[in-house]
């Protein structure tokens, strides 16, 4: 009678040859703290893994505006941020992973991911689900993020654009204010920030003080493109111009604003309190 024995398969990562064990070197993750490639820190309920690589100012502006951002959801509580980053890095070089955590440090189930090259977002959305399945994480879902660096302020009845600008400057920090005249003397305002984090903090402050803009006023996320669909009748207030001395300039665009533009050409920029 023949007797057969089946060899036991060792899990990946086990050292099968003891005499060569000393030749096997530990491969350190670039996301493991401390790292020369990524900084790791936590603010409130968000853990950050952010690249230390120097990038151009134009690319930095794109990334700050949430270009190419991916939303991950369905992350199990016990999975650390570093594990998600390791898998995501198989697609491309990561710029930042914003990982939402509880007080105990466990995952809250979702995270935001950006690559240094934002154009690979669509490729990542296709490849990441398969990579997560290969690593026994089929429950993680991947889609384009709806995060924005812009807010919309609506229903500010009976308040002029200049007064809205002044009120906002006293309440929050923003980069640009764009007001569109929906119908005569009624404006909606697009508030543009340098990055999503600034917009998040500003939205919280505005929600607490929204009654200052009228009992019907609301503030919502704006997920449109950087320039709105229609630019006629827009008033632009650039808060980043001469903010040290409180000066601001504004521009009126559109045929129906031509007269107003001519009136302002010979005037000095209006002064607003900070």
C-alpha atoms as a PDB file:
ATOM      1  CA  UNK A   1       0.000   0.000   0.000  1.00  0.00           C
ATOM      2  CA  UNK A   2       1.348   3.380  -0.975  1.00  0.00           C
ATOM      3  CA  UNK A   3       1.119   6.192   1.573  1.00  0.00           C
ATOM      4  CA  UNK A   4       1.147   9.800   0.342  1.00  0.00           C
ATOM      5  CA  UNK A   5       1.794  12.914   2.422  1.00  0.00           C
ATOM      6  CA  UNK A   6       0.654  16.364   1.294  1.00  0.00           C
ATOM      7  CA  UNK A   7       3.130  19.156   1.898  1.00  0.00           C
ATOM      8  CA  UNK A   8       1.817  22.017   4.020  1.00  0.00           C
ATOM      9  CA  UNK A   9       1.824  25.346   2.213  1.00  0.00           C
ATOM     10  CA  UNK A  10       3.405  28.152   4.170  1.00  0.00           C
ATOM     11  CA  UNK A  11       1.728  31.576   4.126  1.00  0.00           C
ATOM     12  CA  UNK A  12       3.439  34.271   2.108  1.00  0.00           C
ATOM     13  CA  UNK A  13       6.123  35.922   4.157  1.00  0.00           C
ATOM     14  CA  UNK A  14       7.272  32.849   6.082  1.00  0.00           C
ATOM     15  CA  UNK A  15      10.973  31.980   5.905  1.00  0.00           C
ATOM     16  CA  UNK A  16      11.196  28.501   4.398  1.00  0.00           C
ATOM     17  CA  UNK A  17      14.972  28.182   4.332  1.00  0.00           C
ATOM     18  CA  UNK A  18      16.429  28.824   7.773  1.00  0.00           C
ATOM     19  CA  UNK A  19      20.024  28.952   6.556  1.00  0.00           C
ATOM     20  CA  UNK A  20      19.178  31.956   4.358  1.00  0.00           C
ATOM     21  CA  UNK A  21      17.080  33.720   6.965  1.00  0.00           C
ATOM     22  CA  UNK A  22      19.821  36.272   7.691  1.00  0.00           C
ATOM     23  CA  UNK A  23      19.860  37.281   4.023  1.00  0.00           C
ATOM     24  CA  UNK A  24      16.238  38.371   4.098  1.00  0.00           C
ATOM     25  CA  UNK A  25      16.012  42.073   4.916  1.00  0.00           C
ATOM     26  CA  UNK A  26      12.994  43.794   6.432  1.00  0.00           C
ATOM     27  CA  UNK A  27      11.387  46.132   3.881  1.00  0.00           C
ATOM     28  CA  UNK A  28      10.232  49.261   5.695  1.00  0.00           C
ATOM     29  CA  UNK A  29       7.041  50.905   4.505  1.00  0.00           C
ATOM     30  CA  UNK A  30       7.403  54.533   3.333  1.00  0.00           C
ATOM     31  CA  UNK A  31       4.232  55.282   5.303  1.00  0.00           C
ATOM     32  CA  UNK A  32       5.536  53.886   8.574  1.00  0.00           C
ATOM     33  CA  UNK A  33       6.334  56.547  11.173  1.00  0.00           C
ATOM     34  CA  UNK A  34       8.910  58.033  11.270  1.00  0.00           C
ATOM     35  CA  UNK A  35       9.381  58.384   7.524  1.00  0.00           C
ATOM     36  CA  UNK A  36      11.534  60.465   5.217  1.00  0.00           C
ATOM     37  CA  UNK A  37       8.856  60.297   2.510  1.00  0.00           C
ATOM     38  CA  UNK A  38       5.604  61.013   4.349  1.00  0.00           C
ATOM     39  CA  UNK A  39       4.585  62.948   7.419  1.00  0.00           C
ATOM     40  CA  UNK A  40       1.982  61.391   9.694  1.00  0.00           C
ATOM     41  CA  UNK A  41      -0.153  63.435  12.063  1.00  0.00           C
ATOM     42  CA  UNK A  42      -3.671  63.654  13.426  1.00  0.00           C
ATOM     43  CA  UNK A  43      -5.983  66.636  13.781  1.00  0.00           C
ATOM     44  CA  UNK A  44      -9.296  66.085  15.529  1.00  0.00           C
ATOM     45  CA  UNK A  45     -10.945  63.122  13.780  1.00  0.00           C
ATOM     46  CA  UNK A  46      -8.611  62.948  10.791  1.00  0.00           C
ATOM     47  CA  UNK A  47      -5.295  61.156  10.427  1.00  0.00           C
ATOM     48  CA  UNK A  48      -3.064  62.506   7.674  1.00  0.00           C
ATOM     49  CA  UNK A  49      -0.422  60.734   5.612  1.00  0.00           C
ATOM     50  CA  UNK A  50       1.050  63.509   3.466  1.00  0.00           C
ATOM     51  CA  UNK A  51       3.919  63.456   0.993  1.00  0.00           C
ATOM     52  CA  UNK A  52       7.053  65.439   1.833  1.00  0.00           C
ATOM     53  CA  UNK A  53       7.950  65.731  -1.852  1.00  0.00           C
ATOM     54  CA  UNK A  54       8.422  69.258  -3.230  1.00  0.00           C
ATOM     55  CA  UNK A  55       5.900  70.124  -5.951  1.00  0.00           C
ATOM     56  CA  UNK A  56       5.260  73.182  -8.110  1.00  0.00           C
ATOM     57  CA  UNK A  57       2.990  75.990  -6.953  1.00  0.00           C
ATOM     58  CA  UNK A  58       0.539  75.340  -9.795  1.00  0.00           C
ATOM     59  CA  UNK A  59       0.233  71.653  -8.886  1.00  0.00           C
ATOM     60  CA  UNK A  60      -0.143  72.571  -5.218  1.00  0.00           C
ATOM     61  CA  UNK A  61      -3.068  74.842  -6.092  1.00  0.00           C
ATOM     62  CA  UNK A  62      -4.706  72.023  -8.070  1.00  0.00           C
ATOM     63  CA  UNK A  63      -4.359  69.565  -5.208  1.00  0.00           C
ATOM     64  CA  UNK A  64      -5.567  72.118  -2.654  1.00  0.00           C
ATOM     65  CA  UNK A  65      -8.693  72.579  -4.761  1.00  0.00           C
ATOM     66  CA  UNK A  66      -9.416  68.811  -4.442  1.00  0.00           C
ATOM     67  CA  UNK A  67      -8.498  68.036  -8.062  1.00  0.00           C
ATOM     68  CA  UNK A  68      -8.295  64.277  -8.568  1.00  0.00           C
ATOM     69  CA  UNK A  69      -9.577  63.477  -5.075  1.00  0.00           C
ATOM     70  CA  UNK A  70     -10.994  59.974  -4.486  1.00  0.00           C
ATOM     71  CA  UNK A  71     -13.511  58.962  -1.824  1.00  0.00           C
ATOM     72  CA  UNK A  72     -13.061  55.581  -0.119  1.00  0.00           C
ATOM     73  CA  UNK A  73     -15.885  54.130   1.978  1.00  0.00           C
ATOM     74  CA  UNK A  74     -16.729  50.854   3.691  1.00  0.00           C
ATOM     75  CA  UNK A  75     -13.320  50.613   5.394  1.00  0.00           C
ATOM     76  CA  UNK A  76     -13.405  48.136   8.331  1.00  0.00           C
ATOM     77  CA  UNK A  77     -12.688  49.727  11.757  1.00  0.00           C
ATOM     78  CA  UNK A  78      -9.552  47.671  12.405  1.00  0.00           C
ATOM     79  CA  UNK A  79      -7.786  48.591   9.134  1.00  0.00           C
ATOM     80  CA  UNK A  80      -5.071  51.243   9.717  1.00  0.00           C
ATOM     81  CA  UNK A  81      -4.407  54.155   7.391  1.00  0.00           C
ATOM     82  CA  UNK A  82      -0.979  52.788   6.500  1.00  0.00           C
ATOM     83  CA  UNK A  83      -2.516  49.579   5.111  1.00  0.00           C
ATOM     84  CA  UNK A  84      -4.855  51.525   2.822  1.00  0.00           C
ATOM     85  CA  UNK A  85      -1.965  53.729   1.691  1.00  0.00           C
ATOM     86  CA  UNK A  86       0.174  50.681   0.867  1.00  0.00           C
ATOM     87  CA  UNK A  87      -2.521  49.316  -1.442  1.00  0.00           C
ATOM     88  CA  UNK A  88      -3.323  52.699  -3.005  1.00  0.00           C
ATOM     89  CA  UNK A  89       0.376  53.273  -3.724  1.00  0.00           C
ATOM     90  CA  UNK A  90       0.299  50.311  -6.124  1.00  0.00           C
ATOM     91  CA  UNK A  91      -1.516  52.601  -8.577  1.00  0.00           C
ATOM     92  CA  UNK A  92       0.684  55.691  -8.238  1.00  0.00           C
ATOM     93  CA  UNK A  93       2.544  58.033  -5.912  1.00  0.00           C
ATOM     94  CA  UNK A  94       0.275  59.283  -3.141  1.00  0.00           C
ATOM     95  CA  UNK A  95       0.099  62.967  -2.255  1.00  0.00           C
ATOM     96  CA  UNK A  96      -2.189  62.704   0.757  1.00  0.00           C
ATOM     97  CA  UNK A  97      -4.509  60.273   2.515  1.00  0.00           C
ATOM     98  CA  UNK A  98      -7.019  61.886   4.867  1.00  0.00           C
ATOM     99  CA  UNK A  99      -8.211  59.017   7.026  1.00  0.00           C
ATOM    100  CA  UNK A 100     -11.212  59.571   9.291  1.00  0.00           C
ATOM    101  CA  UNK A 101     -10.765  57.973  12.718  1.00  0.00           C
ATOM    102  CA  UNK A 102     -12.554  57.645  16.055  1.00  0.00           C
ATOM    103  CA  UNK A 103     -11.184  58.772  19.424  1.00  0.00           C
ATOM    104  CA  UNK A 104      -9.730  55.281  19.851  1.00  0.00           C
ATOM    105  CA  UNK A 105      -7.912  55.521  16.506  1.00  0.00           C
ATOM    106  CA  UNK A 106     -10.115  53.054  14.611  1.00  0.00           C
ATOM    107  CA  UNK A 107     -11.360  53.839  11.133  1.00  0.00           C
ATOM    108  CA  UNK A 108     -14.699  55.618  10.856  1.00  0.00           C
ATOM    109  CA  UNK A 109     -15.188  53.840   7.543  1.00  0.00           C
ATOM    110  CA  UNK A 110     -14.131  56.452   5.019  1.00  0.00           C
ATOM    111  CA  UNK A 111     -11.117  58.381   3.738  1.00  0.00           C
ATOM    112  CA  UNK A 112     -10.035  60.809   1.033  1.00  0.00           C
ATOM    113  CA  UNK A 113      -7.136  60.013  -1.284  1.00  0.00           C
ATOM    114  CA  UNK A 114      -5.137  62.135  -3.726  1.00  0.00           C
ATOM    115  CA  UNK A 115      -2.238  61.209  -5.970  1.00  0.00           C
ATOM    116  CA  UNK A 116       0.593  63.599  -6.812  1.00  0.00           C
ATOM    117  CA  UNK A 117      -0.494  63.195 -10.439  1.00  0.00           C
ATOM    118  CA  UNK A 118      -4.222  64.035 -10.242  1.00  0.00           C
ATOM    119  CA  UNK A 119      -4.829  62.843 -13.815  1.00  0.00           C
ATOM    120  CA  UNK A 120      -4.605  59.190 -12.749  1.00  0.00           C
ATOM    121  CA  UNK A 121      -7.792  59.490 -10.701  1.00  0.00           C
ATOM    122  CA  UNK A 122      -9.932  57.682 -13.296  1.00  0.00           C
ATOM    123  CA  UNK A 123      -7.383  54.878 -13.592  1.00  0.00           C
ATOM    124  CA  UNK A 124      -7.279  54.559  -9.806  1.00  0.00           C
ATOM    125  CA  UNK A 125     -11.078  54.387  -9.575  1.00  0.00           C
ATOM    126  CA  UNK A 126     -10.949  51.405 -11.959  1.00  0.00           C
ATOM    127  CA  UNK A 127      -7.956  49.603 -10.438  1.00  0.00           C
ATOM    128  CA  UNK A 128      -8.401  50.162  -6.707  1.00  0.00           C
ATOM    129  CA  UNK A 129     -11.517  47.955  -6.255  1.00  0.00           C
ATOM    130  CA  UNK A 130      -9.636  44.998  -7.766  1.00  0.00           C
ATOM    131  CA  UNK A 131      -6.598  45.689  -5.588  1.00  0.00           C
ATOM    132  CA  UNK A 132      -8.737  45.846  -2.461  1.00  0.00           C
ATOM    133  CA  UNK A 133     -10.337  42.505  -3.395  1.00  0.00           C
ATOM    134  CA  UNK A 134      -6.881  40.971  -3.847  1.00  0.00           C
ATOM    135  CA  UNK A 135      -6.021  42.092  -0.314  1.00  0.00           C
ATOM    136  CA  UNK A 136      -9.238  40.628   1.162  1.00  0.00           C
ATOM    137  CA  UNK A 137     -10.961  44.015   1.410  1.00  0.00           C
ATOM    138  CA  UNK A 138     -13.802  43.650  -1.133  1.00  0.00           C
ATOM    139  CA  UNK A 139     -16.107  45.776   1.020  1.00  0.00           C
ATOM    140  CA  UNK A 140     -14.213  49.011   0.306  1.00  0.00           C
ATOM    141  CA  UNK A 141     -15.944  51.175  -2.297  1.00  0.00           C
ATOM    142  CA  UNK A 142     -14.200  53.709  -4.517  1.00  0.00           C
ATOM    143  CA  UNK A 143     -15.601  56.757  -6.292  1.00  0.00           C
ATOM    144  CA  UNK A 144     -14.727  60.324  -7.193  1.00  0.00           C
ATOM    145  CA  UNK A 145     -14.894  62.684  -4.235  1.00  0.00           C
ATOM    146  CA  UNK A 146     -17.515  65.412  -4.168  1.00  0.00           C
ATOM    147  CA  UNK A 147     -15.385  67.565  -1.911  1.00  0.00           C
ATOM    148  CA  UNK A 148     -15.016  71.145  -3.000  1.00  0.00           C
ATOM    149  CA  UNK A 149     -13.123  74.286  -2.106  1.00  0.00           C
ATOM    150  CA  UNK A 150     -16.196  76.402  -2.835  1.00  0.00           C
ATOM    151  CA  UNK A 151     -19.393  77.292  -0.999  1.00  0.00           C
ATOM    152  CA  UNK A 152     -22.627  78.885  -2.192  1.00  0.00           C
ATOM    153  CA  UNK A 153     -24.348  81.540  -0.092  1.00  0.00           C
ATOM    154  CA  UNK A 154     -27.987  81.972  -1.108  1.00  0.00           C
ATOM    155  CA  UNK A 155     -31.136  83.922  -0.183  1.00  0.00           C
ATOM    156  CA  UNK A 156     -29.376  86.960   1.250  1.00  0.00           C
ATOM    157  CA  UNK A 157     -32.321  89.241   0.550  1.00  0.00           C
ATOM    158  CA  UNK A 158     -31.929  93.036   0.831  1.00  0.00           C
ATOM    159  CA  UNK A 159     -28.158  92.906   1.433  1.00  0.00           C
ATOM    160  CA  UNK A 160     -25.866  94.524  -1.143  1.00  0.00           C
ATOM    161  CA  UNK A 161     -22.820  92.669  -2.517  1.00  0.00           C
ATOM    162  CA  UNK A 162     -20.487  95.102  -0.749  1.00  0.00           C
ATOM    163  CA  UNK A 163     -22.191  94.476   2.590  1.00  0.00           C
ATOM    164  CA  UNK A 164     -22.086  90.714   2.052  1.00  0.00           C
ATOM    165  CA  UNK A 165     -18.385  90.958   1.288  1.00  0.00           C
ATOM    166  CA  UNK A 166     -17.723  92.993   4.427  1.00  0.00           C
ATOM    167  CA  UNK A 167     -19.733  90.607   6.619  1.00  0.00           C
ATOM    168  CA  UNK A 168     -17.916  87.574   5.240  1.00  0.00           C
ATOM    169  CA  UNK A 169     -14.504  89.187   5.739  1.00  0.00           C
ATOM    170  CA  UNK A 170     -15.369  89.706   9.405  1.00  0.00           C
ATOM    171  CA  UNK A 171     -16.463  86.070   9.830  1.00  0.00           C
ATOM    172  CA  UNK A 172     -14.177  83.863   7.730  1.00  0.00           C
ATOM    173  CA  UNK A 173     -11.016  83.757   5.606  1.00  0.00           C
ATOM    174  CA  UNK A 174     -11.569  83.191   1.894  1.00  0.00           C
ATOM    175  CA  UNK A 175      -9.753  83.746  -1.384  1.00  0.00           C
ATOM    176  CA  UNK A 176     -12.447  85.109  -3.682  1.00  0.00           C
ATOM    177  CA  UNK A 177     -16.116  86.063  -3.638  1.00  0.00           C
ATOM    178  CA  UNK A 178     -18.144  85.787  -6.847  1.00  0.00           C
ATOM    179  CA  UNK A 179     -21.677  87.165  -6.866  1.00  0.00           C
ATOM    180  CA  UNK A 180     -24.195  86.419  -9.610  1.00  0.00           C
ATOM    181  CA  UNK A 181     -27.286  88.546 -10.073  1.00  0.00           C
ATOM    182  CA  UNK A 182     -30.079  85.979 -10.421  1.00  0.00           C
ATOM    183  CA  UNK A 183     -32.691  88.676 -10.936  1.00  0.00           C
ATOM    184  CA  UNK A 184     -32.546  92.451 -10.318  1.00  0.00           C
ATOM    185  CA  UNK A 185     -30.949  93.216  -6.939  1.00  0.00           C
ATOM    186  CA  UNK A 186     -30.877  89.544  -5.903  1.00  0.00           C
ATOM    187  CA  UNK A 187     -27.455  87.870  -5.768  1.00  0.00           C
ATOM    188  CA  UNK A 188     -26.108  84.429  -5.013  1.00  0.00           C
ATOM    189  CA  UNK A 189     -22.491  84.189  -3.910  1.00  0.00           C
ATOM    190  CA  UNK A 190     -19.794  81.666  -4.706  1.00  0.00           C
ATOM    191  CA  UNK A 191     -17.161  81.730  -1.942  1.00  0.00           C
ATOM    192  CA  UNK A 192     -13.851  80.296  -3.159  1.00  0.00           C
ATOM    193  CA  UNK A 193     -11.134  79.061  -0.800  1.00  0.00           C
ATOM    194  CA  UNK A 194      -7.522  78.021  -1.309  1.00  0.00           C
ATOM    195  CA  UNK A 195      -8.250  74.456  -0.199  1.00  0.00           C
ATOM    196  CA  UNK A 196     -11.014  72.176   1.030  1.00  0.00           C
ATOM    197  CA  UNK A 197      -9.840  72.323   4.649  1.00  0.00           C
ATOM    198  CA  UNK A 198     -10.363  76.097   4.722  1.00  0.00           C
ATOM    199  CA  UNK A 199     -13.811  75.633   3.197  1.00  0.00           C
ATOM    200  CA  UNK A 200     -14.757  73.030   5.828  1.00  0.00           C
ATOM    201  CA  UNK A 201     -13.856  75.338   8.719  1.00  0.00           C
ATOM    202  CA  UNK A 202     -15.539  78.329   7.066  1.00  0.00           C
ATOM    203  CA  UNK A 203     -18.741  76.360   6.476  1.00  0.00           C
ATOM    204  CA  UNK A 204     -18.937  75.505  10.177  1.00  0.00           C
ATOM    205  CA  UNK A 205     -18.502  79.155  11.122  1.00  0.00           C
ATOM    206  CA  UNK A 206     -21.093  80.305   8.598  1.00  0.00           C
ATOM    207  CA  UNK A 207     -23.655  77.739   9.729  1.00  0.00           C
ATOM    208  CA  UNK A 208     -23.342  79.101  13.266  1.00  0.00           C
ATOM    209  CA  UNK A 209     -23.833  82.698  12.117  1.00  0.00           C
ATOM    210  CA  UNK A 210     -26.030  82.265   9.039  1.00  0.00           C
ATOM    211  CA  UNK A 211     -28.860  84.324  10.580  1.00  0.00           C
ATOM    212  CA  UNK A 212     -26.719  87.450  10.108  1.00  0.00           C
ATOM    213  CA  UNK A 213     -27.442  87.167   6.376  1.00  0.00           C
ATOM    214  CA  UNK A 214     -31.213  86.946   6.810  1.00  0.00           C
ATOM    215  CA  UNK A 215     -33.702  84.455   8.176  1.00  0.00           C
ATOM    216  CA  UNK A 216     -33.864  82.567   4.854  1.00  0.00           C
ATOM    217  CA  UNK A 217     -30.129  82.540   4.086  1.00  0.00           C
ATOM    218  CA  UNK A 218     -28.429  79.181   3.472  1.00  0.00           C
ATOM    219  CA  UNK A 219     -24.892  78.010   2.738  1.00  0.00           C
ATOM    220  CA  UNK A 220     -24.233  74.829   0.723  1.00  0.00           C
ATOM    221  CA  UNK A 221     -21.343  73.110  -1.033  1.00  0.00           C
ATOM    222  CA  UNK A 222     -20.712  74.155  -4.633  1.00  0.00           C
ATOM    223  CA  UNK A 223     -19.628  71.192  -6.762  1.00  0.00           C
ATOM    224  CA  UNK A 224     -19.601  73.068 -10.071  1.00  0.00           C
ATOM    225  CA  UNK A 225     -16.452  73.879 -12.028  1.00  0.00           C
ATOM    226  CA  UNK A 226     -14.179  76.689 -10.855  1.00  0.00           C
ATOM    227  CA  UNK A 227     -15.890  79.097 -13.225  1.00  0.00           C
ATOM    228  CA  UNK A 228     -19.670  78.946 -13.086  1.00  0.00           C
ATOM    229  CA  UNK A 229     -21.714  78.147 -16.155  1.00  0.00           C
ATOM    230  CA  UNK A 230     -22.758  81.740 -16.730  1.00  0.00           C
ATOM    231  CA  UNK A 231     -20.399  84.599 -15.915  1.00  0.00           C
ATOM    232  CA  UNK A 232     -22.610  87.475 -16.995  1.00  0.00           C
ATOM    233  CA  UNK A 233     -23.570  89.800 -14.202  1.00  0.00           C
ATOM    234  CA  UNK A 234     -20.939  88.453 -11.826  1.00  0.00           C
ATOM    235  CA  UNK A 235     -19.265  90.695  -9.292  1.00  0.00           C
ATOM    236  CA  UNK A 236     -15.843  89.479  -8.212  1.00  0.00           C
ATOM    237  CA  UNK A 237     -14.294  90.523  -4.936  1.00  0.00           C
ATOM    238  CA  UNK A 238     -10.657  89.501  -4.587  1.00  0.00           C
ATOM    239  CA  UNK A 239      -9.989  89.280  -0.866  1.00  0.00           C
ATOM    240  CA  UNK A 240      -6.365  88.343  -1.492  1.00  0.00           C
ATOM    241  CA  UNK A 241      -5.481  91.778  -2.895  1.00  0.00           C
ATOM    242  CA  UNK A 242      -3.916  94.219  -0.447  1.00  0.00           C
ATOM    243  CA  UNK A 243      -5.444  92.501   2.553  1.00  0.00           C
ATOM    244  CA  UNK A 244      -2.761  93.969   4.811  1.00  0.00           C
ATOM    245  CA  UNK A 245      -4.275  97.452   4.686  1.00  0.00           C
ATOM    246  CA  UNK A 246      -7.860  96.383   4.221  1.00  0.00           C
ATOM    247  CA  UNK A 247      -8.147  97.400   0.561  1.00  0.00           C
ATOM    248  CA  UNK A 248     -10.082  95.326  -1.950  1.00  0.00           C
ATOM    249  CA  UNK A 249     -10.852  95.615  -5.634  1.00  0.00           C
ATOM    250  CA  UNK A 250     -13.851  94.347  -7.508  1.00  0.00           C
ATOM    251  CA  UNK A 251     -14.675  93.750 -11.141  1.00  0.00           C
ATOM    252  CA  UNK A 252     -18.004  93.766 -12.945  1.00  0.00           C
ATOM    253  CA  UNK A 253     -18.411  91.583 -16.013  1.00  0.00           C
ATOM    254  CA  UNK A 254     -21.195  91.260 -18.551  1.00  0.00           C
ATOM    255  CA  UNK A 255     -22.829  93.737 -20.930  1.00  0.00           C
ATOM    256  CA  UNK A 256     -25.458  94.853 -18.457  1.00  0.00           C
ATOM    257  CA  UNK A 257     -22.688  95.855 -16.033  1.00  0.00           C
ATOM    258  CA  UNK A 258     -20.786  98.045 -18.517  1.00  0.00           C
ATOM    259  CA  UNK A 259     -22.115 101.296 -17.106  1.00  0.00           C
ATOM    260  CA  UNK A 260     -21.234 100.286 -13.571  1.00  0.00           C
ATOM    261  CA  UNK A 261     -17.732  99.350 -14.713  1.00  0.00           C
ATOM    262  CA  UNK A 262     -17.230 102.757 -16.327  1.00  0.00           C
ATOM    263  CA  UNK A 263     -18.350 104.451 -13.137  1.00  0.00           C
ATOM    264  CA  UNK A 264     -15.760 102.599 -11.057  1.00  0.00           C
ATOM    265  CA  UNK A 265     -12.727 103.156 -13.304  1.00  0.00           C
ATOM    266  CA  UNK A 266     -11.986 106.605 -11.895  1.00  0.00           C
ATOM    267  CA  UNK A 267     -12.584 105.619  -8.289  1.00  0.00           C
ATOM    268  CA  UNK A 268     -10.112 104.273  -5.780  1.00  0.00           C
ATOM    269  CA  UNK A 269     -10.719 100.716  -4.535  1.00  0.00           C
ATOM    270  CA  UNK A 270     -13.312 100.556  -1.749  1.00  0.00           C
ATOM    271  CA  UNK A 271     -12.062  99.994   1.780  1.00  0.00           C
ATOM    272  CA  UNK A 272     -13.597  97.283   3.910  1.00  0.00           C
ATOM    273  CA  UNK A 273     -12.977  96.534   7.545  1.00  0.00           C
ATOM    274  CA  UNK A 274     -11.247  93.256   8.275  1.00  0.00           C
END
